[in-house]
């Protein structure tokens, strides 16, 4: 698995360097990308330091495209430097991270890269573009639940601070509230699943009624009903899956095995939350001692 992780990091890094050198005058040659000797590593570090200072002119091609076609530059050098710095940090941690935490950090960098470029079409490597498309699709589903579950996390942390005071470390804080948090997330999961079940049931009835009407009409409409029938079959499968999860002793654990994965869940829930909270200094000040 480590080789796969390193391969993913290398693929993303290569694409980032390619696009940077396309937009800016960068002395890093294409052939050097595959050469991981110390002199090359030192060279990259020097370039990244220059990026941090925005010390790069545009490439001749981009100057031409900007003047003639009015094309805009999607990113500043310092933004690419930040991505490459994050990649380097992730490469250092690669052997010590659980796969789920690695995937989360890698996905965050990949999404940030796509956002800098302004879309998937500027990614050069097709394999990376497919990965990015899949990650964005997962993110869209994930983000729908991220805010409400984050609010549950913050609420429980604040309630415990009000009762017992602040913690010395982030690890202590997260492990202290973990049991209460898991129970609260379970309530959220069940309520959402029940709501989703009801919505899909309603849609299923509507589609079944459409099929009945179509069958009573012309052949052309009957052909349309075949498409609706496929949607009905898919809904029936989804409803069966949701019903099985709801009947399980631990619905949240069953969700982990299905397509209905939730933020802050799974085996590494504590590690995921700790990683998230480290990016939230305003919350850390509320829950930890000596943060003022």
C-alpha atoms as a PDB file:
ATOM      1  CA  UNK A   1       0.000   0.000   0.000  1.00  0.00           C
ATOM      2  CA  UNK A   2       2.914   2.354   0.699  1.00  0.00           C
ATOM      3  CA  UNK A   3       4.053   2.056  -2.929  1.00  0.00           C
ATOM      4  CA  UNK A   4       0.537   3.009  -4.075  1.00  0.00           C
ATOM      5  CA  UNK A   5       0.537   6.016  -1.750  1.00  0.00           C
ATOM      6  CA  UNK A   6       3.928   7.181  -3.043  1.00  0.00           C
ATOM      7  CA  UNK A   7       2.814   6.615  -6.626  1.00  0.00           C
ATOM      8  CA  UNK A   8      -0.274   8.806  -6.066  1.00  0.00           C
ATOM      9  CA  UNK A   9       1.856  11.542  -4.498  1.00  0.00           C
ATOM     10  CA  UNK A  10       4.371  11.406  -7.357  1.00  0.00           C
ATOM     11  CA  UNK A  11       1.632  11.592  -9.992  1.00  0.00           C
ATOM     12  CA  UNK A  12       0.059  14.634  -8.390  1.00  0.00           C
ATOM     13  CA  UNK A  13       3.412  16.337  -7.859  1.00  0.00           C
ATOM     14  CA  UNK A  14       4.385  15.845 -11.494  1.00  0.00           C
ATOM     15  CA  UNK A  15       1.146  17.406 -12.682  1.00  0.00           C
ATOM     16  CA  UNK A  16       1.541  20.380 -10.358  1.00  0.00           C
ATOM     17  CA  UNK A  17       5.088  21.016 -11.611  1.00  0.00           C
ATOM     18  CA  UNK A  18       3.969  20.627 -15.231  1.00  0.00           C
ATOM     19  CA  UNK A  19       1.239  23.245 -14.880  1.00  0.00           C
ATOM     20  CA  UNK A  20       3.452  25.623 -12.936  1.00  0.00           C
ATOM     21  CA  UNK A  21       6.148  25.442 -15.614  1.00  0.00           C
ATOM     22  CA  UNK A  22       3.472  25.967 -18.279  1.00  0.00           C
ATOM     23  CA  UNK A  23       2.283  29.234 -16.742  1.00  0.00           C
ATOM     24  CA  UNK A  24       5.581  30.547 -15.336  1.00  0.00           C
ATOM     25  CA  UNK A  25       9.230  30.635 -16.401  1.00  0.00           C
ATOM     26  CA  UNK A  26      10.500  27.711 -14.379  1.00  0.00           C
ATOM     27  CA  UNK A  27      13.921  26.155 -14.902  1.00  0.00           C
ATOM     28  CA  UNK A  28      12.788  22.672 -13.846  1.00  0.00           C
ATOM     29  CA  UNK A  29      13.027  20.513 -16.984  1.00  0.00           C
ATOM     30  CA  UNK A  30      10.518  17.773 -17.804  1.00  0.00           C
ATOM     31  CA  UNK A  31      13.187  15.060 -17.784  1.00  0.00           C
ATOM     32  CA  UNK A  32      14.256  16.041 -14.293  1.00  0.00           C
ATOM     33  CA  UNK A  33      10.821  15.296 -12.856  1.00  0.00           C
ATOM     34  CA  UNK A  34      11.602  11.584 -12.729  1.00  0.00           C
ATOM     35  CA  UNK A  35      15.048  12.115 -11.193  1.00  0.00           C
ATOM     36  CA  UNK A  36      14.844  11.978  -7.395  1.00  0.00           C
ATOM     37  CA  UNK A  37      18.532  12.503  -6.539  1.00  0.00           C
ATOM     38  CA  UNK A  38      19.592  14.901  -3.798  1.00  0.00           C
ATOM     39  CA  UNK A  39      20.700  17.680  -6.142  1.00  0.00           C
ATOM     40  CA  UNK A  40      17.299  17.605  -7.828  1.00  0.00           C
ATOM     41  CA  UNK A  41      15.524  17.665  -4.474  1.00  0.00           C
ATOM     42  CA  UNK A  42      17.632  20.672  -3.422  1.00  0.00           C
ATOM     43  CA  UNK A  43      16.783  22.382  -6.694  1.00  0.00           C
ATOM     44  CA  UNK A  44      13.055  21.899  -6.113  1.00  0.00           C
ATOM     45  CA  UNK A  45      13.343  23.295  -2.588  1.00  0.00           C
ATOM     46  CA  UNK A  46      15.054  26.436  -3.910  1.00  0.00           C
ATOM     47  CA  UNK A  47      12.334  26.883  -6.505  1.00  0.00           C
ATOM     48  CA  UNK A  48       9.616  26.464  -3.874  1.00  0.00           C
ATOM     49  CA  UNK A  49      11.258  29.187  -1.756  1.00  0.00           C
ATOM     50  CA  UNK A  50      11.173  31.484  -4.809  1.00  0.00           C
ATOM     51  CA  UNK A  51       7.525  30.562  -5.337  1.00  0.00           C
ATOM     52  CA  UNK A  52       6.765  31.642  -1.776  1.00  0.00           C
ATOM     53  CA  UNK A  53       8.061  35.097  -2.665  1.00  0.00           C
ATOM     54  CA  UNK A  54       6.085  35.147  -5.960  1.00  0.00           C
ATOM     55  CA  UNK A  55       9.481  35.563  -7.625  1.00  0.00           C
ATOM     56  CA  UNK A  56       8.543  34.184 -11.035  1.00  0.00           C
ATOM     57  CA  UNK A  57       7.739  35.908 -14.345  1.00  0.00           C
ATOM     58  CA  UNK A  58       5.101  34.479 -16.640  1.00  0.00           C
ATOM     59  CA  UNK A  59       6.172  32.113 -19.402  1.00  0.00           C
ATOM     60  CA  UNK A  60       6.483  33.603 -22.893  1.00  0.00           C
ATOM     61  CA  UNK A  61       3.476  31.590 -24.025  1.00  0.00           C
ATOM     62  CA  UNK A  62       1.315  32.937 -21.215  1.00  0.00           C
ATOM     63  CA  UNK A  63       2.444  36.511 -21.836  1.00  0.00           C
ATOM     64  CA  UNK A  64       1.339  36.081 -25.460  1.00  0.00           C
ATOM     65  CA  UNK A  65      -1.978  34.451 -24.529  1.00  0.00           C
ATOM     66  CA  UNK A  66      -2.616  37.128 -21.913  1.00  0.00           C
ATOM     67  CA  UNK A  67      -1.911  40.012 -24.293  1.00  0.00           C
ATOM     68  CA  UNK A  68      -3.615  38.602 -27.387  1.00  0.00           C
ATOM     69  CA  UNK A  69      -6.441  36.553 -25.910  1.00  0.00           C
ATOM     70  CA  UNK A  70      -6.892  38.215 -22.535  1.00  0.00           C
ATOM     71  CA  UNK A  71      -6.304  34.908 -20.756  1.00  0.00           C
ATOM     72  CA  UNK A  72      -6.024  35.104 -16.988  1.00  0.00           C
ATOM     73  CA  UNK A  73      -3.516  33.243 -14.813  1.00  0.00           C
ATOM     74  CA  UNK A  74      -5.417  30.915 -12.459  1.00  0.00           C
ATOM     75  CA  UNK A  75      -2.911  30.911  -9.598  1.00  0.00           C
ATOM     76  CA  UNK A  76       0.003  32.704  -7.973  1.00  0.00           C
ATOM     77  CA  UNK A  77       3.350  30.947  -7.398  1.00  0.00           C
ATOM     78  CA  UNK A  78       2.942  31.030  -3.612  1.00  0.00           C
ATOM     79  CA  UNK A  79      -0.255  28.988  -3.926  1.00  0.00           C
ATOM     80  CA  UNK A  80       1.607  26.230  -5.775  1.00  0.00           C
ATOM     81  CA  UNK A  81       4.360  26.412  -3.151  1.00  0.00           C
ATOM     82  CA  UNK A  82       1.759  25.709  -0.468  1.00  0.00           C
ATOM     83  CA  UNK A  83       0.477  22.637  -2.318  1.00  0.00           C
ATOM     84  CA  UNK A  84       3.987  21.271  -2.848  1.00  0.00           C
ATOM     85  CA  UNK A  85       4.849  21.884   0.811  1.00  0.00           C
ATOM     86  CA  UNK A  86       1.762  19.944   1.872  1.00  0.00           C
ATOM     87  CA  UNK A  87       2.696  17.114  -0.507  1.00  0.00           C
ATOM     88  CA  UNK A  88       6.224  16.958   0.921  1.00  0.00           C
ATOM     89  CA  UNK A  89       4.849  16.826   4.474  1.00  0.00           C
ATOM     90  CA  UNK A  90       2.469  14.035   3.494  1.00  0.00           C
ATOM     91  CA  UNK A  91       5.318  12.101   1.866  1.00  0.00           C
ATOM     92  CA  UNK A  92       7.284  12.305   5.134  1.00  0.00           C
ATOM     93  CA  UNK A  93       4.288  10.988   7.113  1.00  0.00           C
ATOM     94  CA  UNK A  94       3.264   8.339   4.574  1.00  0.00           C
ATOM     95  CA  UNK A  95       4.503   5.311   6.539  1.00  0.00           C
ATOM     96  CA  UNK A  96       2.984   6.389   9.849  1.00  0.00           C
ATOM     97  CA  UNK A  97      -0.494   7.360   8.664  1.00  0.00           C
ATOM     98  CA  UNK A  98      -3.531   5.059   8.588  1.00  0.00           C
ATOM     99  CA  UNK A  99      -4.825   4.697   5.025  1.00  0.00           C
ATOM    100  CA  UNK A 100      -7.999   6.683   5.766  1.00  0.00           C
ATOM    101  CA  UNK A 101      -6.055   9.665   7.131  1.00  0.00           C
ATOM    102  CA  UNK A 102      -3.663   9.526   4.189  1.00  0.00           C
ATOM    103  CA  UNK A 103      -6.551   9.505   1.718  1.00  0.00           C
ATOM    104  CA  UNK A 104      -8.173  12.463   3.469  1.00  0.00           C
ATOM    105  CA  UNK A 105      -5.013  14.573   3.372  1.00  0.00           C
ATOM    106  CA  UNK A 106      -4.244  13.540  -0.206  1.00  0.00           C
ATOM    107  CA  UNK A 107      -7.802  14.305  -1.316  1.00  0.00           C
ATOM    108  CA  UNK A 108      -7.655  17.739   0.340  1.00  0.00           C
ATOM    109  CA  UNK A 109      -4.511  18.599  -1.645  1.00  0.00           C
ATOM    110  CA  UNK A 110      -5.963  17.227  -4.882  1.00  0.00           C
ATOM    111  CA  UNK A 111      -9.196  19.210  -4.453  1.00  0.00           C
ATOM    112  CA  UNK A 112      -7.231  22.381  -3.664  1.00  0.00           C
ATOM    113  CA  UNK A 113      -5.199  21.811  -6.840  1.00  0.00           C
ATOM    114  CA  UNK A 114      -8.332  21.443  -8.989  1.00  0.00           C
ATOM    115  CA  UNK A 115      -9.765  24.599  -7.436  1.00  0.00           C
ATOM    116  CA  UNK A 116      -6.555  26.521  -8.205  1.00  0.00           C
ATOM    117  CA  UNK A 117      -6.665  25.397 -11.833  1.00  0.00           C
ATOM    118  CA  UNK A 118     -10.330  26.286 -12.101  1.00  0.00           C
ATOM    119  CA  UNK A 119     -11.433  22.814 -13.201  1.00  0.00           C
ATOM    120  CA  UNK A 120     -10.469  19.302 -14.217  1.00  0.00           C
ATOM    121  CA  UNK A 121      -9.685  20.148 -17.844  1.00  0.00           C
ATOM    122  CA  UNK A 122      -6.269  21.623 -16.986  1.00  0.00           C
ATOM    123  CA  UNK A 123      -5.029  18.430 -15.338  1.00  0.00           C
ATOM    124  CA  UNK A 124      -2.600  16.830 -17.782  1.00  0.00           C
ATOM    125  CA  UNK A 125      -2.535  13.240 -16.557  1.00  0.00           C
ATOM    126  CA  UNK A 126      -5.747  11.360 -17.463  1.00  0.00           C
ATOM    127  CA  UNK A 127      -5.445   8.954 -14.549  1.00  0.00           C
ATOM    128  CA  UNK A 128      -5.098  11.859 -12.127  1.00  0.00           C
ATOM    129  CA  UNK A 129      -8.048  13.638 -13.762  1.00  0.00           C
ATOM    130  CA  UNK A 130     -10.239  10.558 -13.264  1.00  0.00           C
ATOM    131  CA  UNK A 131      -9.146  10.326  -9.634  1.00  0.00           C
ATOM    132  CA  UNK A 132      -9.892  14.012  -9.119  1.00  0.00           C
ATOM    133  CA  UNK A 133     -13.354  13.637 -10.662  1.00  0.00           C
ATOM    134  CA  UNK A 134     -14.142  10.738  -8.323  1.00  0.00           C
ATOM    135  CA  UNK A 135     -12.815  12.647  -5.299  1.00  0.00           C
ATOM    136  CA  UNK A 136     -14.959  15.690  -6.160  1.00  0.00           C
ATOM    137  CA  UNK A 137     -18.057  13.494  -6.465  1.00  0.00           C
ATOM    138  CA  UNK A 138     -17.392  11.998  -3.040  1.00  0.00           C
ATOM    139  CA  UNK A 139     -16.734  15.472  -1.631  1.00  0.00           C
ATOM    140  CA  UNK A 140     -20.106  16.725  -2.868  1.00  0.00           C
ATOM    141  CA  UNK A 141     -21.886  13.936  -0.978  1.00  0.00           C
ATOM    142  CA  UNK A 142     -19.583  14.323   2.027  1.00  0.00           C
ATOM    143  CA  UNK A 143     -19.990  18.099   2.321  1.00  0.00           C
ATOM    144  CA  UNK A 144     -23.766  17.786   2.614  1.00  0.00           C
ATOM    145  CA  UNK A 145     -23.265  16.205   6.037  1.00  0.00           C
ATOM    146  CA  UNK A 146     -20.037  17.926   7.056  1.00  0.00           C
ATOM    147  CA  UNK A 147     -21.506  21.136   8.504  1.00  0.00           C
ATOM    148  CA  UNK A 148     -24.235  19.558  10.681  1.00  0.00           C
ATOM    149  CA  UNK A 149     -21.867  16.889  12.025  1.00  0.00           C
ATOM    150  CA  UNK A 150     -19.198  19.506  12.673  1.00  0.00           C
ATOM    151  CA  UNK A 151     -21.754  21.492  14.667  1.00  0.00           C
ATOM    152  CA  UNK A 152     -22.520  18.378  16.734  1.00  0.00           C
ATOM    153  CA  UNK A 153     -18.790  17.997  17.434  1.00  0.00           C
ATOM    154  CA  UNK A 154     -18.399  21.643  18.472  1.00  0.00           C
ATOM    155  CA  UNK A 155     -21.544  21.541  20.626  1.00  0.00           C
ATOM    156  CA  UNK A 156     -20.407  18.497  22.598  1.00  0.00           C
ATOM    157  CA  UNK A 157     -16.910  19.937  23.107  1.00  0.00           C
ATOM    158  CA  UNK A 158     -18.362  23.234  24.361  1.00  0.00           C
ATOM    159  CA  UNK A 159     -20.812  21.469  26.680  1.00  0.00           C
ATOM    160  CA  UNK A 160     -17.964  19.512  28.275  1.00  0.00           C
ATOM    161  CA  UNK A 161     -15.811  22.638  28.629  1.00  0.00           C
ATOM    162  CA  UNK A 162     -18.719  24.322  30.439  1.00  0.00           C
ATOM    163  CA  UNK A 163     -19.020  21.337  32.799  1.00  0.00           C
ATOM    164  CA  UNK A 164     -15.374  20.432  33.481  1.00  0.00           C
ATOM    165  CA  UNK A 165     -13.157  23.163  32.028  1.00  0.00           C
ATOM    166  CA  UNK A 166     -10.588  23.086  29.250  1.00  0.00           C
ATOM    167  CA  UNK A 167      -8.208  20.238  28.419  1.00  0.00           C
ATOM    168  CA  UNK A 168      -4.421  20.314  28.336  1.00  0.00           C
ATOM    169  CA  UNK A 169      -4.118  18.626  24.947  1.00  0.00           C
ATOM    170  CA  UNK A 170      -6.236  18.048  21.859  1.00  0.00           C
ATOM    171  CA  UNK A 171      -5.880  14.281  22.219  1.00  0.00           C
ATOM    172  CA  UNK A 172      -7.346  14.458  25.725  1.00  0.00           C
ATOM    173  CA  UNK A 173     -10.258  16.576  24.525  1.00  0.00           C
ATOM    174  CA  UNK A 174     -11.221  14.307  21.631  1.00  0.00           C
ATOM    175  CA  UNK A 175     -10.866  11.050  23.573  1.00  0.00           C
ATOM    176  CA  UNK A 176     -12.886  12.486  26.467  1.00  0.00           C
ATOM    177  CA  UNK A 177     -15.918  13.314  24.295  1.00  0.00           C
ATOM    178  CA  UNK A 178     -15.592  10.404  21.854  1.00  0.00           C
ATOM    179  CA  UNK A 179     -18.267   8.127  23.375  1.00  0.00           C
ATOM    180  CA  UNK A 180     -20.826  10.953  23.567  1.00  0.00           C
ATOM    181  CA  UNK A 181     -19.916  12.013  20.064  1.00  0.00           C
ATOM    182  CA  UNK A 182     -20.398   8.544  18.586  1.00  0.00           C
ATOM    183  CA  UNK A 183     -23.855   8.334  20.206  1.00  0.00           C
ATOM    184  CA  UNK A 184     -24.836  11.761  18.856  1.00  0.00           C
ATOM    185  CA  UNK A 185     -23.637  10.834  15.372  1.00  0.00           C
ATOM    186  CA  UNK A 186     -25.653   7.614  15.559  1.00  0.00           C
ATOM    187  CA  UNK A 187     -28.806   9.649  16.239  1.00  0.00           C
ATOM    188  CA  UNK A 188     -27.977  11.910  13.290  1.00  0.00           C
ATOM    189  CA  UNK A 189     -27.330   8.918  11.021  1.00  0.00           C
ATOM    190  CA  UNK A 190     -30.606   7.188  11.871  1.00  0.00           C
ATOM    191  CA  UNK A 191     -32.640  10.383  11.444  1.00  0.00           C
ATOM    192  CA  UNK A 192     -31.039  11.047   8.071  1.00  0.00           C
ATOM    193  CA  UNK A 193     -31.525   7.450   6.891  1.00  0.00           C
ATOM    194  CA  UNK A 194     -35.201   7.546   7.866  1.00  0.00           C
ATOM    195  CA  UNK A 195     -35.642  10.814   5.993  1.00  0.00           C
ATOM    196  CA  UNK A 196     -33.815   9.413   2.961  1.00  0.00           C
ATOM    197  CA  UNK A 197     -35.956   6.266   3.071  1.00  0.00           C
ATOM    198  CA  UNK A 198     -39.173   8.299   3.079  1.00  0.00           C
ATOM    199  CA  UNK A 199     -38.009  10.503   0.195  1.00  0.00           C
ATOM    200  CA  UNK A 200     -37.040   7.516  -1.935  1.00  0.00           C
ATOM    201  CA  UNK A 201     -40.311   5.747  -1.144  1.00  0.00           C
ATOM    202  CA  UNK A 202     -42.232   8.797  -2.302  1.00  0.00           C
ATOM    203  CA  UNK A 203     -40.192   8.993  -5.515  1.00  0.00           C
ATOM    204  CA  UNK A 204     -40.706   5.274  -6.127  1.00  0.00           C
ATOM    205  CA  UNK A 205     -44.498   5.638  -5.911  1.00  0.00           C
ATOM    206  CA  UNK A 206     -44.393   8.545  -8.359  1.00  0.00           C
ATOM    207  CA  UNK A 207     -42.331   6.555 -10.852  1.00  0.00           C
ATOM    208  CA  UNK A 208     -44.545   3.482 -10.533  1.00  0.00           C
ATOM    209  CA  UNK A 209     -47.565   5.650 -11.272  1.00  0.00           C
ATOM    210  CA  UNK A 210     -45.770   7.063 -14.331  1.00  0.00           C
ATOM    211  CA  UNK A 211     -45.169   3.542 -15.656  1.00  0.00           C
ATOM    212  CA  UNK A 212     -48.844   2.658 -15.284  1.00  0.00           C
ATOM    213  CA  UNK A 213     -49.841   5.746 -17.243  1.00  0.00           C
ATOM    214  CA  UNK A 214     -47.234   5.091 -19.934  1.00  0.00           C
ATOM    215  CA  UNK A 215     -48.366   1.494 -20.416  1.00  0.00           C
ATOM    216  CA  UNK A 216     -51.878   2.707 -21.054  1.00  0.00           C
ATOM    217  CA  UNK A 217     -50.713   4.987 -23.869  1.00  0.00           C
ATOM    218  CA  UNK A 218     -48.768   4.674 -27.151  1.00  0.00           C
ATOM    219  CA  UNK A 219     -45.708   2.529 -27.953  1.00  0.00           C
ATOM    220  CA  UNK A 220     -43.452   5.607 -27.911  1.00  0.00           C
ATOM    221  CA  UNK A 221     -44.417   6.355 -24.356  1.00  0.00           C
ATOM    222  CA  UNK A 222     -43.938   2.682 -23.475  1.00  0.00           C
ATOM    223  CA  UNK A 223     -40.316   2.947 -24.584  1.00  0.00           C
ATOM    224  CA  UNK A 224     -39.961   5.858 -22.213  1.00  0.00           C
ATOM    225  CA  UNK A 225     -41.373   3.685 -19.450  1.00  0.00           C
ATOM    226  CA  UNK A 226     -38.452   1.277 -19.910  1.00  0.00           C
ATOM    227  CA  UNK A 227     -36.101   4.043 -18.791  1.00  0.00           C
ATOM    228  CA  UNK A 228     -38.327   4.735 -15.807  1.00  0.00           C
ATOM    229  CA  UNK A 229     -38.312   1.032 -14.978  1.00  0.00           C
ATOM    230  CA  UNK A 230     -34.525   1.129 -14.589  1.00  0.00           C
ATOM    231  CA  UNK A 231     -34.848   4.037 -12.173  1.00  0.00           C
ATOM    232  CA  UNK A 232     -37.455   2.065 -10.238  1.00  0.00           C
ATOM    233  CA  UNK A 233     -35.132  -0.926 -10.000  1.00  0.00           C
ATOM    234  CA  UNK A 234     -32.317   1.258  -8.728  1.00  0.00           C
ATOM    235  CA  UNK A 235     -34.585   2.866  -6.129  1.00  0.00           C
ATOM    236  CA  UNK A 236     -35.793  -0.525  -4.934  1.00  0.00           C
ATOM    237  CA  UNK A 237     -32.187  -1.620  -4.396  1.00  0.00           C
ATOM    238  CA  UNK A 238     -31.387   1.593  -2.523  1.00  0.00           C
ATOM    239  CA  UNK A 239     -34.475   1.259  -0.327  1.00  0.00           C
ATOM    240  CA  UNK A 240     -33.574  -2.330   0.514  1.00  0.00           C
ATOM    241  CA  UNK A 241     -30.038  -1.242   1.451  1.00  0.00           C
ATOM    242  CA  UNK A 242     -31.264   1.605   3.674  1.00  0.00           C
ATOM    243  CA  UNK A 243     -33.825  -0.665   5.341  1.00  0.00           C
ATOM    244  CA  UNK A 244     -31.119  -3.232   6.150  1.00  0.00           C
ATOM    245  CA  UNK A 245     -28.919  -0.528   7.674  1.00  0.00           C
ATOM    246  CA  UNK A 246     -31.791   0.805   9.792  1.00  0.00           C
ATOM    247  CA  UNK A 247     -32.521  -2.677  11.124  1.00  0.00           C
ATOM    248  CA  UNK A 248     -28.887  -3.281  12.082  1.00  0.00           C
ATOM    249  CA  UNK A 249     -27.803  -3.160  15.722  1.00  0.00           C
ATOM    250  CA  UNK A 250     -25.275  -0.430  14.909  1.00  0.00           C
ATOM    251  CA  UNK A 251     -26.540   1.518  11.861  1.00  0.00           C
ATOM    252  CA  UNK A 252     -23.545   3.865  11.728  1.00  0.00           C
ATOM    253  CA  UNK A 253     -21.129   0.951  11.453  1.00  0.00           C
ATOM    254  CA  UNK A 254     -23.223  -0.559   8.661  1.00  0.00           C
ATOM    255  CA  UNK A 255     -23.143   2.771   6.813  1.00  0.00           C
ATOM    256  CA  UNK A 256     -19.354   2.528   6.690  1.00  0.00           C
ATOM    257  CA  UNK A 257     -19.700  -0.613   4.563  1.00  0.00           C
ATOM    258  CA  UNK A 258     -22.109   1.069   2.128  1.00  0.00           C
ATOM    259  CA  UNK A 259     -22.123   4.139  -0.102  1.00  0.00           C
ATOM    260  CA  UNK A 260     -23.595   6.193   2.745  1.00  0.00           C
ATOM    261  CA  UNK A 261     -20.311   7.120   4.416  1.00  0.00           C
ATOM    262  CA  UNK A 262     -20.413  10.058   6.807  1.00  0.00           C
ATOM    263  CA  UNK A 263     -17.809  12.621   7.888  1.00  0.00           C
ATOM    264  CA  UNK A 264     -16.083  11.809  11.192  1.00  0.00           C
ATOM    265  CA  UNK A 265     -16.848   8.101  11.189  1.00  0.00           C
ATOM    266  CA  UNK A 266     -15.126   4.739  10.992  1.00  0.00           C
ATOM    267  CA  UNK A 267     -12.213   3.135  12.790  1.00  0.00           C
ATOM    268  CA  UNK A 268     -10.059   6.273  12.753  1.00  0.00           C
ATOM    269  CA  UNK A 269     -12.727   8.724  13.872  1.00  0.00           C
ATOM    270  CA  UNK A 270     -10.525  10.183  16.646  1.00  0.00           C
ATOM    271  CA  UNK A 271      -7.558  10.739  14.319  1.00  0.00           C
ATOM    272  CA  UNK A 272      -9.828  12.344  11.714  1.00  0.00           C
ATOM    273  CA  UNK A 273     -11.325  14.742  14.253  1.00  0.00           C
ATOM    274  CA  UNK A 274      -7.918  15.650  15.686  1.00  0.00           C
ATOM    275  CA  UNK A 275      -6.651  16.418  12.177  1.00  0.00           C
ATOM    276  CA  UNK A 276      -9.738  18.565  11.525  1.00  0.00           C
ATOM    277  CA  UNK A 277      -9.525  20.494  14.802  1.00  0.00           C
ATOM    278  CA  UNK A 278      -5.861  21.346  14.249  1.00  0.00           C
ATOM    279  CA  UNK A 279      -7.044  23.524  11.362  1.00  0.00           C
ATOM    280  CA  UNK A 280      -9.558  25.340  13.613  1.00  0.00           C
ATOM    281  CA  UNK A 281      -7.605  27.676  15.939  1.00  0.00           C
ATOM    282  CA  UNK A 282     -10.776  29.441  17.058  1.00  0.00           C
ATOM    283  CA  UNK A 283     -12.158  26.167  18.429  1.00  0.00           C
ATOM    284  CA  UNK A 284      -8.804  25.191  19.957  1.00  0.00           C
ATOM    285  CA  UNK A 285      -8.816  28.432  21.938  1.00  0.00           C
ATOM    286  CA  UNK A 286     -12.235  27.520  23.319  1.00  0.00           C
ATOM    287  CA  UNK A 287     -11.335  24.004  24.450  1.00  0.00           C
ATOM    288  CA  UNK A 288      -7.589  23.963  25.278  1.00  0.00           C
ATOM    289  CA  UNK A 289      -5.570  25.564  28.048  1.00  0.00           C
ATOM    290  CA  UNK A 290      -2.695  27.937  27.220  1.00  0.00           C
ATOM    291  CA  UNK A 291      -4.049  28.809  23.753  1.00  0.00           C
ATOM    292  CA  UNK A 292      -4.571  32.528  24.341  1.00  0.00           C
END
